[in-house]
Amino acid sequence: MSSQPKIFRAVLLLLFLSLVGSTSSSKAQTAKPPGIAIARRAAEVREGASLFRANCSPCHGLGAYGGGRGPDLTSGRWTHGSSDEAIFATITHGVPGTEMPANAFEDSEVRAIIAYLRSLAPSKDEAITGNAKNGDRLFHGSAACGTCHMVSGSGGLLGPDLSRVGAARSVTYLVDSIRDPNKDLSLGMTDPNDHYGLPLLYDTVTVTTNSGEKILGVARNEDTFSVQLMATDQRLHFFLKSEVKSVVHERASLMPPYPETFLSASDLNDIVAYLVTLRGQRVEAPGAK
C-alpha cells in the first residue's frame, strides 16, 4: 500500500492546524483588553454628559432629574420606549404632539447620550408597594390633592399639572414632595415657544398693592415689568410692577407638608402608587420599534 495518501493527509492536517492557529492569533491580536473597553465606555459616557448638559438640560434639568418641560430621565421609566433603538428614535426624530423636538446629532453623539442616560439608571426598580386605586380615592378625596392639582383636565390650577408626573418624576421625588414640599420646588412653565428660557419655580409670591392689599400665589409668567399671578383663590391676576408696592418671592411652597400625623405611611404609599400610573398619553417617536 502506497505511503503517498498518508503523507497527503499529514500535509492537509498540518495546513489546517496552521490556519486555525493563524485565525486564533489574529483574534487574539484584535481583541481589546477589558481595561480598554471600560475606558472607551467611560469616555463615551463623559461625551454624552457634555452633550446632554449643552443641549438637553434646559428642558430635562442638570443631571437629567427633570425640569419645567422635560421628564426625569434617571428613573428607568421611559414613556416613549425603553430600548436603545426607541430612545435613539426619540432623540433623533422627536415626539409629535409633545415638546420633544427632533435633533440633528451625529449617530455617535446620540449613542453617547444614551450611554450617559443608561449610566444614571437605578441599579434596581424603585419599590412601589401601595394600592393605586385607593391612592386615586385619597388624591381626589380626603387628602384633597385634586383641589390644587389637575389630572387629565380635572382638578385645581394652583399647583403643577400632574397628568404625566409618573413619567416625569422618581418615586423618591414624589415622596419628598408630599412630605416636605419645600425640599425641592417644582418648576413651572414659561413661554411655551421659548425653549431656552429658564422655567419659573413654584415658589410663593406675594404682591402688595398700593392700597396695602396682599395677594398670595404662584407666578405663571413674570418679566422685568409685570407679573401674572395664580392666587390662592385660583384666579389669575395681572400686575404691572410699577403700579404695586412690592412683589416678593419666598423660596417656599404654598403646598402644606403632609407629616405622618396627617397622612399615614400606608396612605402615602397608595397615593404615590397612583401618581406613578399618571404617564399621559403614550406617543411613539417616528422610527421607534
C-alpha atoms as a PDB file:
ATOM      1  CA  MET A   1       0.000   0.000   0.000  1.00  0.00           C
ATOM      2  CA  SER A   2       1.409   3.391  -1.053  1.00  0.00           C
ATOM      3  CA  SER A   3       2.515   5.851   1.614  1.00  0.00           C
ATOM      4  CA  GLN A   4       1.562   8.866  -0.540  1.00  0.00           C
ATOM      5  CA  PRO A   5      -2.080   9.126   0.768  1.00  0.00           C
ATOM      6  CA  LYS A   6      -0.731   9.101   4.328  1.00  0.00           C
ATOM      7  CA  ILE A   7       1.744  11.844   3.504  1.00  0.00           C
ATOM      8  CA  PHE A   8      -1.008  13.814   1.725  1.00  0.00           C
ATOM      9  CA  ARG A   9      -3.328  13.557   4.768  1.00  0.00           C
ATOM     10  CA  ALA A  10      -0.496  14.647   7.080  1.00  0.00           C
ATOM     11  CA  VAL A  11       0.164  17.712   4.908  1.00  0.00           C
ATOM     12  CA  LEU A  12      -3.540  18.607   4.940  1.00  0.00           C
ATOM     13  CA  LEU A  13      -3.659  18.236   8.736  1.00  0.00           C
ATOM     14  CA  LEU A  14      -0.640  20.489   9.199  1.00  0.00           C
ATOM     15  CA  LEU A  15      -2.153  23.075   6.833  1.00  0.00           C
ATOM     16  CA  PHE A  16      -5.466  23.012   8.757  1.00  0.00           C
ATOM     17  CA  LEU A  17      -3.710  23.400  12.124  1.00  0.00           C
ATOM     18  CA  SER A  18      -1.644  26.311  10.807  1.00  0.00           C
ATOM     19  CA  LEU A  19      -4.797  28.067   9.554  1.00  0.00           C
ATOM     20  CA  VAL A  20      -6.573  27.574  12.898  1.00  0.00           C
ATOM     21  CA  GLY A  21      -3.537  28.859  14.753  1.00  0.00           C
ATOM     22  CA  SER A  22      -3.314  31.883  12.446  1.00  0.00           C
ATOM     23  CA  THR A  23      -7.007  32.716  12.977  1.00  0.00           C
ATOM     24  CA  SER A  24      -6.708  32.367  16.746  1.00  0.00           C
ATOM     25  CA  SER A  25      -3.601  34.535  16.729  1.00  0.00           C
ATOM     26  CA  SER A  26      -5.397  37.158  14.629  1.00  0.00           C
ATOM     27  CA  LYS A  27      -8.367  37.186  17.017  1.00  0.00           C
ATOM     28  CA  ALA A  28      -6.044  37.465  19.977  1.00  0.00           C
ATOM     29  CA  GLN A  29      -4.336  40.439  18.371  1.00  0.00           C
ATOM     30  CA  THR A  30      -7.615  42.240  17.540  1.00  0.00           C
ATOM     31  CA  ALA A  31      -9.405  41.520  20.843  1.00  0.00           C
ATOM     32  CA  LYS A  32      -9.451  44.538  23.119  1.00  0.00           C
ATOM     33  CA  PRO A  33      -8.275  44.077  26.696  1.00  0.00           C
ATOM     34  CA  PRO A  34     -11.135  44.669  29.206  1.00  0.00           C
ATOM     35  CA  GLY A  35      -9.424  47.805  30.520  1.00  0.00           C
ATOM     36  CA  ILE A  36      -9.511  49.471  27.090  1.00  0.00           C
ATOM     37  CA  ALA A  37     -13.207  48.640  26.603  1.00  0.00           C
ATOM     38  CA  ILE A  38     -14.063  50.076  30.026  1.00  0.00           C
ATOM     39  CA  ALA A  39     -12.047  53.225  29.325  1.00  0.00           C
ATOM     40  CA  ARG A  40     -13.784  53.723  25.974  1.00  0.00           C
ATOM     41  CA  ARG A  41     -17.173  53.260  27.624  1.00  0.00           C
ATOM     42  CA  ALA A  42     -16.288  55.818  30.297  1.00  0.00           C
ATOM     43  CA  ALA A  43     -15.168  58.277  27.604  1.00  0.00           C
ATOM     44  CA  GLU A  44     -18.463  57.767  25.751  1.00  0.00           C
ATOM     45  CA  VAL A  45     -20.429  58.457  28.949  1.00  0.00           C
ATOM     46  CA  ARG A  46     -18.399  61.645  29.541  1.00  0.00           C
ATOM     47  CA  GLU A  47     -19.068  62.794  25.985  1.00  0.00           C
ATOM     48  CA  GLY A  48     -22.785  62.053  26.443  1.00  0.00           C
ATOM     49  CA  ALA A  49     -22.867  64.017  29.711  1.00  0.00           C
ATOM     50  CA  SER A  50     -21.299  67.023  27.987  1.00  0.00           C
ATOM     51  CA  LEU A  51     -23.742  66.836  25.068  1.00  0.00           C
ATOM     52  CA  PHE A  52     -26.666  66.444  27.457  1.00  0.00           C
ATOM     53  CA  ARG A  53     -25.706  69.480  29.551  1.00  0.00           C
ATOM     54  CA  ALA A  54     -25.301  71.647  26.447  1.00  0.00           C
ATOM     55  CA  ASN A  55     -28.421  70.538  24.580  1.00  0.00           C
ATOM     56  CA  CYS A  56     -30.894  68.674  26.809  1.00  0.00           C
ATOM     57  CA  SER A  57     -30.609  70.171  30.289  1.00  0.00           C
ATOM     58  CA  PRO A  58     -32.702  73.306  29.511  1.00  0.00           C
ATOM     59  CA  CYS A  59     -35.738  71.004  29.442  1.00  0.00           C
ATOM     60  CA  HIS A  60     -34.671  67.926  31.423  1.00  0.00           C
ATOM     61  CA  GLY A  61     -32.635  69.696  34.087  1.00  0.00           C
ATOM     62  CA  LEU A  62     -28.998  69.342  35.089  1.00  0.00           C
ATOM     63  CA  GLY A  63     -28.321  65.734  35.949  1.00  0.00           C
ATOM     64  CA  ALA A  64     -31.461  64.704  33.974  1.00  0.00           C
ATOM     65  CA  TYR A  65     -33.661  64.853  37.082  1.00  0.00           C
ATOM     66  CA  GLY A  66     -36.428  66.647  35.216  1.00  0.00           C
ATOM     67  CA  GLY A  67     -37.259  70.273  34.502  1.00  0.00           C
ATOM     68  CA  GLY A  68     -40.131  72.552  33.642  1.00  0.00           C
ATOM     69  CA  ARG A  69     -40.664  70.883  30.270  1.00  0.00           C
ATOM     70  CA  GLY A  70     -38.911  67.519  30.216  1.00  0.00           C
ATOM     71  CA  PRO A  71     -39.294  64.493  32.489  1.00  0.00           C
ATOM     72  CA  ASP A  72     -36.809  62.873  34.858  1.00  0.00           C
ATOM     73  CA  LEU A  73     -34.621  60.527  32.789  1.00  0.00           C
ATOM     74  CA  THR A  74     -32.930  58.796  35.718  1.00  0.00           C
ATOM     75  CA  SER A  75     -35.796  56.616  36.954  1.00  0.00           C
ATOM     76  CA  GLY A  76     -35.558  53.956  34.240  1.00  0.00           C
ATOM     77  CA  ARG A  77     -39.175  54.570  33.168  1.00  0.00           C
ATOM     78  CA  TRP A  78     -39.493  55.595  29.521  1.00  0.00           C
ATOM     79  CA  THR A  79     -42.835  56.799  28.197  1.00  0.00           C
ATOM     80  CA  HIS A  80     -41.885  56.537  24.526  1.00  0.00           C
ATOM     81  CA  GLY A  81     -39.970  53.250  24.558  1.00  0.00           C
ATOM     82  CA  SER A  82     -37.119  51.939  26.706  1.00  0.00           C
ATOM     83  CA  SER A  83     -34.864  50.134  24.207  1.00  0.00           C
ATOM     84  CA  ASP A  84     -31.747  51.830  22.850  1.00  0.00           C
ATOM     85  CA  GLU A  85     -33.407  51.916  19.426  1.00  0.00           C
ATOM     86  CA  ALA A  86     -36.534  53.623  20.822  1.00  0.00           C
ATOM     87  CA  ILE A  87     -34.518  56.210  22.767  1.00  0.00           C
ATOM     88  CA  PHE A  88     -32.375  56.794  19.660  1.00  0.00           C
ATOM     89  CA  ALA A  89     -35.558  57.483  17.658  1.00  0.00           C
ATOM     90  CA  THR A  90     -36.947  59.777  20.367  1.00  0.00           C
ATOM     91  CA  ILE A  91     -33.782  61.880  20.423  1.00  0.00           C
ATOM     92  CA  THR A  92     -33.337  61.941  16.650  1.00  0.00           C
ATOM     93  CA  HIS A  93     -36.920  62.401  15.445  1.00  0.00           C
ATOM     94  CA  GLY A  94     -38.580  63.978  18.477  1.00  0.00           C
ATOM     95  CA  VAL A  95     -42.103  63.043  19.589  1.00  0.00           C
ATOM     96  CA  PRO A  96     -45.087  64.558  17.728  1.00  0.00           C
ATOM     97  CA  GLY A  97     -47.617  66.266  19.968  1.00  0.00           C
ATOM     98  CA  THR A  98     -45.063  66.890  22.726  1.00  0.00           C
ATOM     99  CA  GLU A  99     -42.358  69.466  23.356  1.00  0.00           C
ATOM    100  CA  MET A 100     -39.636  66.935  22.469  1.00  0.00           C
ATOM    101  CA  PRO A 101     -38.095  68.261  19.212  1.00  0.00           C
ATOM    102  CA  ALA A 102     -36.059  66.459  16.582  1.00  0.00           C
ATOM    103  CA  ASN A 103     -32.287  66.830  16.989  1.00  0.00           C
ATOM    104  CA  ALA A 104     -29.564  66.891  14.349  1.00  0.00           C
ATOM    105  CA  PHE A 105     -26.941  64.950  16.314  1.00  0.00           C
ATOM    106  CA  GLU A 106     -24.446  62.609  14.699  1.00  0.00           C
ATOM    107  CA  ASP A 107     -25.303  58.946  15.325  1.00  0.00           C
ATOM    108  CA  SER A 108     -22.239  58.579  17.541  1.00  0.00           C
ATOM    109  CA  GLU A 109     -23.382  61.568  19.607  1.00  0.00           C
ATOM    110  CA  VAL A 110     -26.833  60.062  20.123  1.00  0.00           C
ATOM    111  CA  ARG A 111     -25.240  56.799  21.251  1.00  0.00           C
ATOM    112  CA  ALA A 112     -23.059  58.766  23.684  1.00  0.00           C
ATOM    113  CA  ILE A 113     -26.125  60.487  25.156  1.00  0.00           C
ATOM    114  CA  ILE A 114     -27.851  57.119  25.536  1.00  0.00           C
ATOM    115  CA  ALA A 115     -24.752  55.719  27.258  1.00  0.00           C
ATOM    116  CA  TYR A 116     -24.841  58.669  29.667  1.00  0.00           C
ATOM    117  CA  LEU A 117     -28.561  58.172  30.412  1.00  0.00           C
ATOM    118  CA  ARG A 118     -28.023  54.443  30.974  1.00  0.00           C
ATOM    119  CA  SER A 119     -25.309  55.295  33.495  1.00  0.00           C
ATOM    120  CA  LEU A 120     -27.884  57.252  35.526  1.00  0.00           C
ATOM    121  CA  ALA A 121     -30.454  54.469  35.736  1.00  0.00           C
ATOM    122  CA  PRO A 122     -31.069  52.976  39.190  1.00  0.00           C
ATOM    123  CA  SER A 123     -29.489  49.600  39.894  1.00  0.00           C
ATOM    124  CA  LYS A 124     -32.963  48.221  40.546  1.00  0.00           C
ATOM    125  CA  ASP A 125     -36.525  49.413  40.150  1.00  0.00           C
ATOM    126  CA  GLU A 126     -37.877  51.545  42.970  1.00  0.00           C
ATOM    127  CA  ALA A 127     -40.284  49.533  45.068  1.00  0.00           C
ATOM    128  CA  ILE A 128     -43.924  50.559  44.691  1.00  0.00           C
ATOM    129  CA  THR A 129     -45.975  48.774  47.326  1.00  0.00           C
ATOM    130  CA  GLY A 130     -49.104  50.924  47.512  1.00  0.00           C
ATOM    131  CA  ASN A 131     -52.635  50.419  46.235  1.00  0.00           C
ATOM    132  CA  ALA A 132     -53.110  52.748  43.258  1.00  0.00           C
ATOM    133  CA  LYS A 133     -56.920  52.554  43.369  1.00  0.00           C
ATOM    134  CA  ASN A 134     -57.010  53.644  46.984  1.00  0.00           C
ATOM    135  CA  GLY A 135     -54.433  56.309  46.167  1.00  0.00           C
ATOM    136  CA  ASP A 136     -56.766  57.654  43.481  1.00  0.00           C
ATOM    137  CA  ARG A 137     -59.576  57.889  46.050  1.00  0.00           C
ATOM    138  CA  LEU A 138     -57.329  59.623  48.578  1.00  0.00           C
ATOM    139  CA  PHE A 139     -55.921  62.032  45.985  1.00  0.00           C
ATOM    140  CA  HIS A 140     -59.365  63.211  44.925  1.00  0.00           C
ATOM    141  CA  GLY A 141     -60.904  62.781  48.368  1.00  0.00           C
ATOM    142  CA  SER A 142     -59.664  63.170  51.930  1.00  0.00           C
ATOM    143  CA  ALA A 143     -56.077  64.178  51.040  1.00  0.00           C
ATOM    144  CA  ALA A 144     -57.544  66.968  48.865  1.00  0.00           C
ATOM    145  CA  CYS A 145     -54.652  66.892  46.371  1.00  0.00           C
ATOM    146  CA  GLY A 146     -57.064  67.444  43.472  1.00  0.00           C
ATOM    147  CA  THR A 147     -58.086  70.781  44.963  1.00  0.00           C
ATOM    148  CA  CYS A 148     -54.841  72.332  43.685  1.00  0.00           C
ATOM    149  CA  HIS A 149     -53.516  69.810  41.143  1.00  0.00           C
ATOM    150  CA  MET A 150     -55.018  68.916  37.791  1.00  0.00           C
ATOM    151  CA  VAL A 151     -55.008  65.405  36.328  1.00  0.00           C
ATOM    152  CA  SER A 152     -56.168  64.866  32.742  1.00  0.00           C
ATOM    153  CA  GLY A 153     -58.100  68.134  32.656  1.00  0.00           C
ATOM    154  CA  SER A 154     -59.809  67.736  36.028  1.00  0.00           C
ATOM    155  CA  GLY A 155     -58.803  69.417  39.285  1.00  0.00           C
ATOM    156  CA  GLY A 156     -57.263  72.640  40.553  1.00  0.00           C
ATOM    157  CA  LEU A 157     -54.990  75.157  38.869  1.00  0.00           C
ATOM    158  CA  LEU A 158     -52.771  76.382  41.690  1.00  0.00           C
ATOM    159  CA  GLY A 159     -50.229  73.547  41.713  1.00  0.00           C
ATOM    160  CA  PRO A 160     -48.391  71.771  38.882  1.00  0.00           C
ATOM    161  CA  ASP A 161     -50.400  69.651  36.444  1.00  0.00           C
ATOM    162  CA  LEU A 162     -49.734  66.029  37.430  1.00  0.00           C
ATOM    163  CA  SER A 163     -51.109  64.304  34.332  1.00  0.00           C
ATOM    164  CA  ARG A 164     -47.634  62.973  33.424  1.00  0.00           C
ATOM    165  CA  VAL A 165     -45.943  63.025  36.805  1.00  0.00           C
ATOM    166  CA  GLY A 166     -45.406  59.248  36.829  1.00  0.00           C
ATOM    167  CA  ALA A 167     -43.174  59.564  33.768  1.00  0.00           C
ATOM    168  CA  ALA A 168     -41.583  62.820  34.869  1.00  0.00           C
ATOM    169  CA  ARG A 169     -40.564  62.176  38.477  1.00  0.00           C
ATOM    170  CA  SER A 170     -38.986  59.401  40.527  1.00  0.00           C
ATOM    171  CA  VAL A 171     -40.692  57.703  43.468  1.00  0.00           C
ATOM    172  CA  THR A 172     -38.237  59.328  45.870  1.00  0.00           C
ATOM    173  CA  TYR A 173     -39.029  62.765  44.472  1.00  0.00           C
ATOM    174  CA  LEU A 174     -42.769  62.161  44.828  1.00  0.00           C
ATOM    175  CA  VAL A 175     -42.433  61.055  48.450  1.00  0.00           C
ATOM    176  CA  ASP A 176     -40.251  64.047  49.314  1.00  0.00           C
ATOM    177  CA  SER A 177     -42.592  66.468  47.548  1.00  0.00           C
ATOM    178  CA  ILE A 178     -45.523  65.253  49.645  1.00  0.00           C
ATOM    179  CA  ARG A 179     -43.768  65.030  52.992  1.00  0.00           C
ATOM    180  CA  ASP A 180     -41.710  68.223  52.579  1.00  0.00           C
ATOM    181  CA  PRO A 181     -42.833  70.380  49.597  1.00  0.00           C
ATOM    182  CA  ASN A 182     -40.112  72.947  50.335  1.00  0.00           C
ATOM    183  CA  LYS A 183     -37.287  70.431  49.847  1.00  0.00           C
ATOM    184  CA  ASP A 184     -37.154  70.675  46.061  1.00  0.00           C
ATOM    185  CA  LEU A 185     -39.539  73.162  44.486  1.00  0.00           C
ATOM    186  CA  SER A 186     -41.175  72.101  41.243  1.00  0.00           C
ATOM    187  CA  LEU A 187     -40.573  74.017  38.049  1.00  0.00           C
ATOM    188  CA  GLY A 188     -43.383  75.692  36.186  1.00  0.00           C
ATOM    189  CA  MET A 189     -43.769  76.590  32.526  1.00  0.00           C
ATOM    190  CA  THR A 190     -42.755  79.884  30.992  1.00  0.00           C
ATOM    191  CA  ASP A 191     -43.440  80.895  27.396  1.00  0.00           C
ATOM    192  CA  PRO A 192     -44.043  77.552  25.610  1.00  0.00           C
ATOM    193  CA  ASN A 193     -42.395  78.954  22.471  1.00  0.00           C
ATOM    194  CA  ASP A 194     -39.219  79.899  24.335  1.00  0.00           C
ATOM    195  CA  HIS A 195     -37.361  76.600  24.634  1.00  0.00           C
ATOM    196  CA  TYR A 196     -34.310  78.233  26.183  1.00  0.00           C
ATOM    197  CA  GLY A 197     -35.981  80.397  28.817  1.00  0.00           C
ATOM    198  CA  LEU A 198     -35.489  79.464  32.456  1.00  0.00           C
ATOM    199  CA  PRO A 199     -38.620  77.849  33.946  1.00  0.00           C
ATOM    200  CA  LEU A 200     -40.360  79.538  36.857  1.00  0.00           C
ATOM    201  CA  LEU A 201     -40.249  77.995  40.299  1.00  0.00           C
ATOM    202  CA  TYR A 202     -43.453  77.084  42.077  1.00  0.00           C
ATOM    203  CA  ASP A 203     -42.399  79.329  44.947  1.00  0.00           C
ATOM    204  CA  THR A 204     -44.610  81.659  46.969  1.00  0.00           C
ATOM    205  CA  VAL A 205     -45.145  85.143  45.559  1.00  0.00           C
ATOM    206  CA  THR A 206     -46.760  87.974  47.484  1.00  0.00           C
ATOM    207  CA  VAL A 207     -47.922  91.098  45.660  1.00  0.00           C
ATOM    208  CA  THR A 208     -48.706  94.104  47.851  1.00  0.00           C
ATOM    209  CA  THR A 209     -50.879  96.689  46.103  1.00  0.00           C
ATOM    210  CA  ASN A 210     -50.676 100.427  46.670  1.00  0.00           C
ATOM    211  CA  SER A 211     -53.756 100.154  48.872  1.00  0.00           C
ATOM    212  CA  GLY A 212     -51.953  97.643  51.120  1.00  0.00           C
ATOM    213  CA  GLU A 213     -53.813  94.523  49.957  1.00  0.00           C
ATOM    214  CA  LYS A 214     -51.667  91.357  49.832  1.00  0.00           C
ATOM    215  CA  ILE A 215     -52.321  88.761  47.141  1.00  0.00           C
ATOM    216  CA  LEU A 216     -50.610  85.412  47.671  1.00  0.00           C
ATOM    217  CA  GLY A 217     -49.988  82.881  44.933  1.00  0.00           C
ATOM    218  CA  VAL A 218     -47.534  81.474  42.365  1.00  0.00           C
ATOM    219  CA  ALA A 219     -46.184  83.269  39.299  1.00  0.00           C
ATOM    220  CA  ARG A 220     -47.475  81.996  35.983  1.00  0.00           C
ATOM    221  CA  ASN A 221     -45.483  84.489  33.925  1.00  0.00           C
ATOM    222  CA  GLU A 222     -43.081  87.184  35.062  1.00  0.00           C
ATOM    223  CA  ASP A 223     -40.683  89.640  33.472  1.00  0.00           C
ATOM    224  CA  THR A 224     -38.973  92.867  34.459  1.00  0.00           C
ATOM    225  CA  PHE A 225     -42.155  94.919  34.168  1.00  0.00           C
ATOM    226  CA  SER A 226     -45.070  92.649  35.073  1.00  0.00           C
ATOM    227  CA  VAL A 227     -46.201  89.514  36.849  1.00  0.00           C
ATOM    228  CA  GLN A 228     -49.100  87.160  36.201  1.00  0.00           C
ATOM    229  CA  LEU A 229     -50.133  85.531  39.468  1.00  0.00           C
ATOM    230  CA  MET A 230     -52.298  82.475  40.128  1.00  0.00           C
ATOM    231  CA  ALA A 231     -53.651  83.411  43.561  1.00  0.00           C
ATOM    232  CA  THR A 232     -54.811  81.045  46.283  1.00  0.00           C
ATOM    233  CA  ASP A 233     -58.394  81.711  45.151  1.00  0.00           C
ATOM    234  CA  GLN A 234     -57.268  80.008  41.871  1.00  0.00           C
ATOM    235  CA  ARG A 235     -57.936  83.149  39.877  1.00  0.00           C
ATOM    236  CA  LEU A 236     -55.369  84.704  37.547  1.00  0.00           C
ATOM    237  CA  HIS A 237     -54.250  88.245  38.436  1.00  0.00           C
ATOM    238  CA  PHE A 238     -52.095  90.567  36.310  1.00  0.00           C
ATOM    239  CA  PHE A 239     -49.977  93.333  37.823  1.00  0.00           C
ATOM    240  CA  LEU A 240     -47.646  95.965  36.435  1.00  0.00           C
ATOM    241  CA  LYS A 241     -44.752  96.157  38.862  1.00  0.00           C
ATOM    242  CA  SER A 242     -44.677  99.946  38.575  1.00  0.00           C
ATOM    243  CA  GLU A 243     -48.246 100.066  39.928  1.00  0.00           C
ATOM    244  CA  VAL A 244     -47.789  97.963  43.093  1.00  0.00           C
ATOM    245  CA  LYS A 245     -45.780  98.466  46.264  1.00  0.00           C
ATOM    246  CA  SER A 246     -43.852  95.227  46.062  1.00  0.00           C
ATOM    247  CA  VAL A 247     -43.530  91.783  44.511  1.00  0.00           C
ATOM    248  CA  VAL A 248     -41.809  89.430  46.968  1.00  0.00           C
ATOM    249  CA  HIS A 249     -40.669  85.869  46.240  1.00  0.00           C
ATOM    250  CA  GLU A 250     -40.309  83.428  49.118  1.00  0.00           C
ATOM    251  CA  ARG A 251     -38.458  80.202  48.426  1.00  0.00           C
ATOM    252  CA  ALA A 252     -41.228  78.102  49.876  1.00  0.00           C
ATOM    253  CA  SER A 253     -44.140  76.112  48.515  1.00  0.00           C
ATOM    254  CA  LEU A 254     -47.771  77.034  49.030  1.00  0.00           C
ATOM    255  CA  MET A 255     -48.441  73.324  49.390  1.00  0.00           C
ATOM    256  CA  PRO A 256     -48.622  72.282  53.056  1.00  0.00           C
ATOM    257  CA  PRO A 257     -46.427  69.411  54.281  1.00  0.00           C
ATOM    258  CA  TYR A 258     -48.083  66.047  54.877  1.00  0.00           C
ATOM    259  CA  PRO A 259     -46.471  64.545  58.014  1.00  0.00           C
ATOM    260  CA  GLU A 260     -47.413  61.067  59.233  1.00  0.00           C
ATOM    261  CA  THR A 261     -49.768  62.623  61.779  1.00  0.00           C
ATOM    262  CA  PHE A 262     -51.872  63.803  58.838  1.00  0.00           C
ATOM    263  CA  LEU A 263     -51.067  61.204  56.157  1.00  0.00           C
ATOM    264  CA  SER A 264     -50.035  57.721  57.253  1.00  0.00           C
ATOM    265  CA  ALA A 265     -47.175  55.840  55.599  1.00  0.00           C
ATOM    266  CA  SER A 266     -49.699  53.412  54.118  1.00  0.00           C
ATOM    267  CA  ASP A 267     -51.828  56.198  52.607  1.00  0.00           C
ATOM    268  CA  LEU A 268     -48.699  57.916  51.290  1.00  0.00           C
ATOM    269  CA  ASN A 269     -47.632  54.692  49.549  1.00  0.00           C
ATOM    270  CA  ASP A 270     -51.084  54.417  47.987  1.00  0.00           C
ATOM    271  CA  ILE A 271     -51.011  57.988  46.685  1.00  0.00           C
ATOM    272  CA  VAL A 272     -47.513  57.510  45.256  1.00  0.00           C
ATOM    273  CA  ALA A 273     -48.621  54.253  43.608  1.00  0.00           C
ATOM    274  CA  TYR A 274     -51.450  56.228  41.955  1.00  0.00           C
ATOM    275  CA  LEU A 275     -49.153  59.051  40.861  1.00  0.00           C
ATOM    276  CA  VAL A 276     -46.757  56.589  39.241  1.00  0.00           C
ATOM    277  CA  THR A 277     -49.608  55.465  36.953  1.00  0.00           C
ATOM    278  CA  LEU A 278     -50.041  59.013  35.616  1.00  0.00           C
ATOM    279  CA  ARG A 279     -47.929  58.993  32.456  1.00  0.00           C
ATOM    280  CA  GLY A 280     -50.070  60.916  29.993  1.00  0.00           C
ATOM    281  CA  GLN A 281     -50.854  59.612  26.547  1.00  0.00           C
ATOM    282  CA  ARG A 282     -48.223  57.286  25.137  1.00  0.00           C
ATOM    283  CA  VAL A 283     -46.860  58.562  21.827  1.00  0.00           C
ATOM    284  CA  GLU A 284     -44.163  56.703  19.915  1.00  0.00           C
ATOM    285  CA  ALA A 285     -41.368  58.634  18.264  1.00  0.00           C
ATOM    286  CA  PRO A 286     -41.165  58.137  14.467  1.00  0.00           C
ATOM    287  CA  GLY A 287     -38.878  55.220  13.726  1.00  0.00           C
ATOM    288  CA  ALA A 288     -39.212  53.693  17.194  1.00  0.00           C
ATOM    289  CA  LYS A 289     -39.632  49.934  17.353  1.00  0.00           C
END
